[in-house]
Amino acid sequence: MSEFIETRRPPMHLRKEVDLAFRLERQTVDIFEMRILPWDPVPLEQPIARARWVKSRNCWNVYWMRVDLKWHAYEPEPTVRTIEAFCALVNEDAYACFWG
C-alpha cells in the first residue's frame, strides 16, 4: 500500500495543504485524502476507497463512497483476490468513482 500511495501523492510543495494516506484497521484498508486547514489542527479526511478482507472467501471486497456518505460495493468489480489488484483497480478508476 505504501508504494501505491507514494505514486499518487501530490507534489511535495502541496503536501502542507493536501495529501494522500491509507489506514489499516483489522481486515480493512482505507485510502483517504487529508486536507490541512490553517484554522484547524486536525486534518479533514475525505474517503476515497475501501477494501475489506473476507477470510471465508479469500478475497477483498471493494467499496467506494457515494454522495450519501455511505460505502457502496464497486459494481464493475466488487471483489479482487489481492491487495495489489485493489490498488490497480483504484488507480485505473474506469468509472471515476474514486478520483472523480
N, C-alpha and C. Protein backbone atom coordinates (compact mmCIF):
# COMPACT_ATOMS: atom_id res chain seq x y z
N MET A 1 0.82 -1.20 0.00
CA MET A 1 0.00 0.00 0.00
C MET A 1 0.86 1.26 0.00
N SER A 2 1.94 1.23 0.75
CA SER A 2 2.80 2.42 0.82
C SER A 2 3.33 2.83 -0.54
N GLU A 3 3.74 1.85 -1.34
CA GLU A 3 4.25 2.16 -2.68
C GLU A 3 3.16 2.76 -3.56
N PHE A 4 1.95 2.22 -3.49
CA PHE A 4 0.84 2.75 -4.28
C PHE A 4 0.53 4.19 -3.87
N ILE A 5 0.41 4.43 -2.58
CA ILE A 5 0.09 5.78 -2.09
C ILE A 5 1.17 6.77 -2.53
N GLU A 6 2.42 6.36 -2.46
CA GLU A 6 3.52 7.25 -2.85
C GLU A 6 3.40 7.67 -4.31
N THR A 7 2.94 6.79 -5.18
CA THR A 7 2.80 7.14 -6.60
C THR A 7 1.66 8.11 -6.86
N ARG A 8 0.67 8.17 -5.95
CA ARG A 8 -0.50 9.03 -6.15
C ARG A 8 -0.45 10.33 -5.34
N ARG A 9 0.52 10.47 -4.44
CA ARG A 9 0.59 11.66 -3.61
C ARG A 9 0.82 12.91 -4.46
N PRO A 10 0.32 14.07 -3.99
CA PRO A 10 0.55 15.32 -4.71
C PRO A 10 2.02 15.74 -4.63
N PRO A 11 2.44 16.69 -5.44
CA PRO A 11 3.82 17.18 -5.38
C PRO A 11 4.17 17.68 -3.97
N MET A 12 5.43 17.62 -3.65
CA MET A 12 5.92 17.96 -2.31
C MET A 12 5.45 19.34 -1.85
N HIS A 13 5.44 20.33 -2.73
CA HIS A 13 5.09 21.68 -2.31
C HIS A 13 3.61 21.83 -1.93
N LEU A 14 2.76 20.87 -2.31
CA LEU A 14 1.33 20.92 -1.96
C LEU A 14 0.98 20.11 -0.72
N ARG A 15 1.87 19.29 -0.26
CA ARG A 15 1.56 18.36 0.83
C ARG A 15 1.28 19.03 2.16
N LYS A 16 1.61 20.31 2.30
CA LYS A 16 1.26 21.04 3.52
C LYS A 16 -0.24 21.36 3.54
N GLU A 17 -0.87 21.30 2.36
CA GLU A 17 -2.29 21.62 2.25
C GLU A 17 -3.15 20.39 1.99
N VAL A 18 -2.65 19.48 1.15
CA VAL A 18 -3.42 18.28 0.79
C VAL A 18 -2.45 17.11 0.61
N ASP A 19 -2.86 15.96 1.10
CA ASP A 19 -2.02 14.77 0.98
C ASP A 19 -2.90 13.54 0.90
N LEU A 20 -2.28 12.43 0.61
CA LEU A 20 -2.97 11.16 0.46
C LEU A 20 -2.38 10.18 1.47
N ALA A 21 -3.25 9.34 2.06
CA ALA A 21 -2.78 8.39 3.07
C ALA A 21 -3.67 7.15 3.04
N PHE A 22 -3.25 6.17 3.82
CA PHE A 22 -4.07 4.98 3.99
C PHE A 22 -4.04 4.56 5.45
N ARG A 23 -5.03 3.78 5.82
CA ARG A 23 -5.14 3.29 7.19
C ARG A 23 -5.51 1.81 7.12
N LEU A 24 -4.85 1.01 7.91
CA LEU A 24 -5.14 -0.41 8.00
C LEU A 24 -5.68 -0.68 9.40
N GLU A 25 -6.93 -1.11 9.48
CA GLU A 25 -7.56 -1.45 10.76
C GLU A 25 -8.21 -2.82 10.62
N ARG A 26 -7.69 -3.77 11.39
CA ARG A 26 -8.15 -5.15 11.34
C ARG A 26 -8.09 -5.67 9.91
N GLN A 27 -9.24 -5.99 9.31
CA GLN A 27 -9.25 -6.54 7.95
C GLN A 27 -9.65 -5.49 6.91
N THR A 28 -9.56 -4.21 7.25
CA THR A 28 -9.99 -3.14 6.34
C THR A 28 -8.85 -2.19 6.02
N VAL A 29 -8.75 -1.84 4.74
CA VAL A 29 -7.80 -0.83 4.29
C VAL A 29 -8.60 0.34 3.72
N ASP A 30 -8.35 1.54 4.23
CA ASP A 30 -8.99 2.75 3.72
C ASP A 30 -7.94 3.64 3.08
N ILE A 31 -8.28 4.18 1.92
CA ILE A 31 -7.47 5.21 1.27
C ILE A 31 -8.25 6.51 1.40
N PHE A 32 -7.55 7.57 1.82
CA PHE A 32 -8.25 8.84 2.02
C PHE A 32 -7.33 10.01 1.72
N GLU A 33 -7.98 11.14 1.43
CA GLU A 33 -7.28 12.40 1.20
C GLU A 33 -7.32 13.18 2.50
N MET A 34 -6.23 13.85 2.82
CA MET A 34 -6.17 14.70 4.01
C MET A 34 -6.02 16.16 3.57
N ARG A 35 -6.91 17.00 4.06
CA ARG A 35 -6.83 18.44 3.82
C ARG A 35 -6.42 19.10 5.12
N ILE A 36 -5.36 19.87 5.05
CA ILE A 36 -4.89 20.57 6.23
C ILE A 36 -5.38 22.02 6.14
N LEU A 37 -6.23 22.39 7.07
CA LEU A 37 -6.81 23.73 7.08
C LEU A 37 -6.06 24.58 8.10
N PRO A 38 -5.73 25.82 7.75
CA PRO A 38 -4.91 26.65 8.63
C PRO A 38 -5.53 26.91 10.01
N TRP A 39 -6.85 26.91 10.11
CA TRP A 39 -7.50 27.21 11.37
C TRP A 39 -7.87 25.96 12.19
N ASP A 40 -7.59 24.78 11.64
CA ASP A 40 -7.94 23.54 12.33
C ASP A 40 -6.72 22.64 12.44
N PRO A 41 -6.29 22.31 13.65
CA PRO A 41 -5.09 21.47 13.81
C PRO A 41 -5.30 20.01 13.38
N VAL A 42 -6.57 19.59 13.27
CA VAL A 42 -6.87 18.22 12.88
C VAL A 42 -7.18 18.18 11.38
N PRO A 43 -6.43 17.37 10.62
CA PRO A 43 -6.69 17.30 9.17
C PRO A 43 -8.09 16.77 8.87
N LEU A 44 -8.71 17.30 7.83
CA LEU A 44 -10.00 16.84 7.36
C LEU A 44 -9.76 15.65 6.43
N GLU A 45 -10.42 14.53 6.69
CA GLU A 45 -10.22 13.33 5.88
C GLU A 45 -11.38 13.12 4.93
N GLN A 46 -11.07 12.91 3.66
CA GLN A 46 -12.07 12.64 2.63
C GLN A 46 -11.84 11.22 2.12
N PRO A 47 -12.75 10.27 2.39
CA PRO A 47 -12.57 8.89 1.96
C PRO A 47 -12.51 8.76 0.44
N ILE A 48 -11.68 7.84 -0.04
CA ILE A 48 -11.55 7.59 -1.47
C ILE A 48 -11.94 6.16 -1.81
N ALA A 49 -11.36 5.19 -1.12
CA ALA A 49 -11.63 3.79 -1.43
C ALA A 49 -11.45 2.94 -0.18
N ARG A 50 -12.11 1.77 -0.20
CA ARG A 50 -12.01 0.84 0.92
C ARG A 50 -11.95 -0.58 0.39
N ALA A 51 -11.14 -1.39 1.03
CA ALA A 51 -11.09 -2.83 0.74
C ALA A 51 -11.22 -3.57 2.06
N ARG A 52 -12.09 -4.57 2.09
CA ARG A 52 -12.28 -5.35 3.31
C ARG A 52 -12.02 -6.82 3.00
N TRP A 53 -11.12 -7.42 3.77
CA TRP A 53 -10.74 -8.82 3.58
C TRP A 53 -11.85 -9.74 4.09
N VAL A 54 -12.24 -10.71 3.25
CA VAL A 54 -13.24 -11.71 3.62
C VAL A 54 -12.51 -13.05 3.65
N LYS A 55 -12.15 -13.48 4.85
CA LYS A 55 -11.33 -14.68 5.01
C LYS A 55 -12.02 -15.92 4.46
N SER A 56 -13.33 -16.05 4.68
CA SER A 56 -14.05 -17.24 4.24
C SER A 56 -14.08 -17.39 2.72
N ARG A 57 -13.96 -16.29 1.99
CA ARG A 57 -13.97 -16.32 0.52
C ARG A 57 -12.60 -16.05 -0.08
N ASN A 58 -11.63 -15.74 0.79
CA ASN A 58 -10.25 -15.48 0.36
C ASN A 58 -10.19 -14.37 -0.71
N CYS A 59 -10.86 -13.24 -0.41
CA CYS A 59 -10.87 -12.12 -1.36
C CYS A 59 -11.07 -10.81 -0.61
N TRP A 60 -10.86 -9.73 -1.32
CA TRP A 60 -11.08 -8.38 -0.82
C TRP A 60 -12.36 -7.84 -1.45
N ASN A 61 -13.30 -7.33 -0.65
CA ASN A 61 -14.46 -6.61 -1.17
C ASN A 61 -14.03 -5.15 -1.36
N VAL A 62 -14.42 -4.58 -2.49
CA VAL A 62 -14.02 -3.22 -2.85
C VAL A 62 -15.22 -2.28 -2.73
N TYR A 63 -14.99 -1.13 -2.11
CA TYR A 63 -16.06 -0.15 -1.88
C TYR A 63 -15.62 1.25 -2.30
N TRP A 64 -16.60 2.07 -2.60
CA TRP A 64 -16.39 3.49 -2.84
C TRP A 64 -17.47 4.26 -2.11
N MET A 65 -17.19 5.52 -1.77
CA MET A 65 -18.15 6.31 -1.03
C MET A 65 -18.93 7.20 -1.99
N ARG A 66 -20.25 7.05 -1.92
CA ARG A 66 -21.13 7.86 -2.76
C ARG A 66 -21.48 9.16 -2.04
N VAL A 67 -22.24 10.01 -2.70
CA VAL A 67 -22.60 11.31 -2.12
C VAL A 67 -23.47 11.16 -0.87
N ASP A 68 -24.06 10.00 -0.64
CA ASP A 68 -24.85 9.79 0.58
C ASP A 68 -23.95 9.49 1.78
N LEU A 69 -22.63 9.54 1.57
CA LEU A 69 -21.61 9.32 2.60
C LEU A 69 -21.65 7.90 3.18
N LYS A 70 -22.08 6.95 2.36
CA LYS A 70 -22.08 5.55 2.74
C LYS A 70 -21.21 4.78 1.76
N TRP A 71 -20.57 3.72 2.26
CA TRP A 71 -19.75 2.87 1.41
C TRP A 71 -20.65 1.95 0.59
N HIS A 72 -20.37 1.87 -0.73
CA HIS A 72 -21.12 1.01 -1.63
C HIS A 72 -20.14 0.10 -2.38
N ALA A 73 -20.60 -1.10 -2.68
CA ALA A 73 -19.77 -2.03 -3.45
C ALA A 73 -19.43 -1.40 -4.80
N TYR A 74 -18.22 -1.57 -5.21
CA TYR A 74 -17.76 -1.06 -6.51
C TYR A 74 -18.25 -2.03 -7.58
N GLU A 75 -19.37 -1.73 -8.19
CA GLU A 75 -20.07 -2.65 -9.08
C GLU A 75 -19.26 -3.19 -10.26
N PRO A 76 -18.44 -2.42 -10.90
CA PRO A 76 -17.71 -3.04 -12.02
C PRO A 76 -16.89 -4.25 -11.60
N GLU A 77 -16.33 -4.20 -10.39
CA GLU A 77 -15.52 -5.32 -9.88
C GLU A 77 -15.58 -5.29 -8.35
N PRO A 78 -16.62 -5.89 -7.76
CA PRO A 78 -16.81 -5.78 -6.31
C PRO A 78 -15.84 -6.59 -5.46
N THR A 79 -15.11 -7.54 -6.05
CA THR A 79 -14.12 -8.30 -5.30
C THR A 79 -12.85 -8.47 -6.11
N VAL A 80 -11.75 -8.54 -5.40
CA VAL A 80 -10.44 -8.82 -6.00
C VAL A 80 -9.72 -9.81 -5.10
N ARG A 81 -8.74 -10.50 -5.64
CA ARG A 81 -8.03 -11.53 -4.88
C ARG A 81 -6.85 -11.00 -4.07
N THR A 82 -6.24 -9.90 -4.53
CA THR A 82 -5.04 -9.40 -3.85
C THR A 82 -5.14 -7.90 -3.59
N ILE A 83 -4.34 -7.44 -2.66
CA ILE A 83 -4.31 -6.01 -2.37
C ILE A 83 -3.70 -5.24 -3.55
N GLU A 84 -2.80 -5.90 -4.29
CA GLU A 84 -2.23 -5.28 -5.50
C GLU A 84 -3.31 -5.06 -6.55
N ALA A 85 -4.23 -6.02 -6.67
CA ALA A 85 -5.34 -5.88 -7.62
C ALA A 85 -6.26 -4.75 -7.19
N PHE A 86 -6.46 -4.59 -5.89
CA PHE A 86 -7.25 -3.46 -5.37
C PHE A 86 -6.59 -2.14 -5.74
N CYS A 87 -5.29 -2.03 -5.53
CA CYS A 87 -4.56 -0.81 -5.87
C CYS A 87 -4.66 -0.51 -7.37
N ALA A 88 -4.53 -1.54 -8.20
CA ALA A 88 -4.64 -1.35 -9.65
C ALA A 88 -6.03 -0.88 -10.03
N LEU A 89 -7.05 -1.43 -9.40
CA LEU A 89 -8.43 -1.05 -9.68
C LEU A 89 -8.68 0.41 -9.30
N VAL A 90 -8.20 0.81 -8.14
CA VAL A 90 -8.35 2.19 -7.69
C VAL A 90 -7.57 3.14 -8.59
N ASN A 91 -6.38 2.75 -8.97
CA ASN A 91 -5.55 3.58 -9.84
C ASN A 91 -6.19 3.77 -11.21
N GLU A 92 -6.74 2.70 -11.76
CA GLU A 92 -7.38 2.78 -13.09
C GLU A 92 -8.64 3.64 -13.03
N ASP A 93 -9.48 3.42 -12.03
CA ASP A 93 -10.71 4.19 -11.80
C ASP A 93 -11.52 4.37 -13.09
N ALA A 94 -11.85 3.27 -13.73
CA ALA A 94 -12.54 3.28 -15.02
C ALA A 94 -13.88 4.00 -14.98
N TYR A 95 -14.56 4.04 -13.83
CA TYR A 95 -15.87 4.67 -13.72
C TYR A 95 -15.83 5.98 -12.94
N ALA A 96 -14.65 6.51 -12.68
CA ALA A 96 -14.47 7.79 -11.98
C ALA A 96 -15.15 7.82 -10.62
N CYS A 97 -15.13 6.71 -9.91
CA CYS A 97 -15.73 6.63 -8.58
C CYS A 97 -14.76 7.05 -7.49
N PHE A 98 -13.49 6.78 -7.67
CA PHE A 98 -12.52 7.03 -6.62
C PHE A 98 -11.89 8.42 -6.70
N TRP A 99 -11.44 8.80 -7.88
CA TRP A 99 -10.71 10.05 -8.03
C TRP A 99 -11.56 11.16 -8.65
N GLY A 100 -12.80 10.87 -8.98
CA GLY A 100 -13.71 11.88 -9.51
C GLY A 100 -13.64 12.14 -10.97
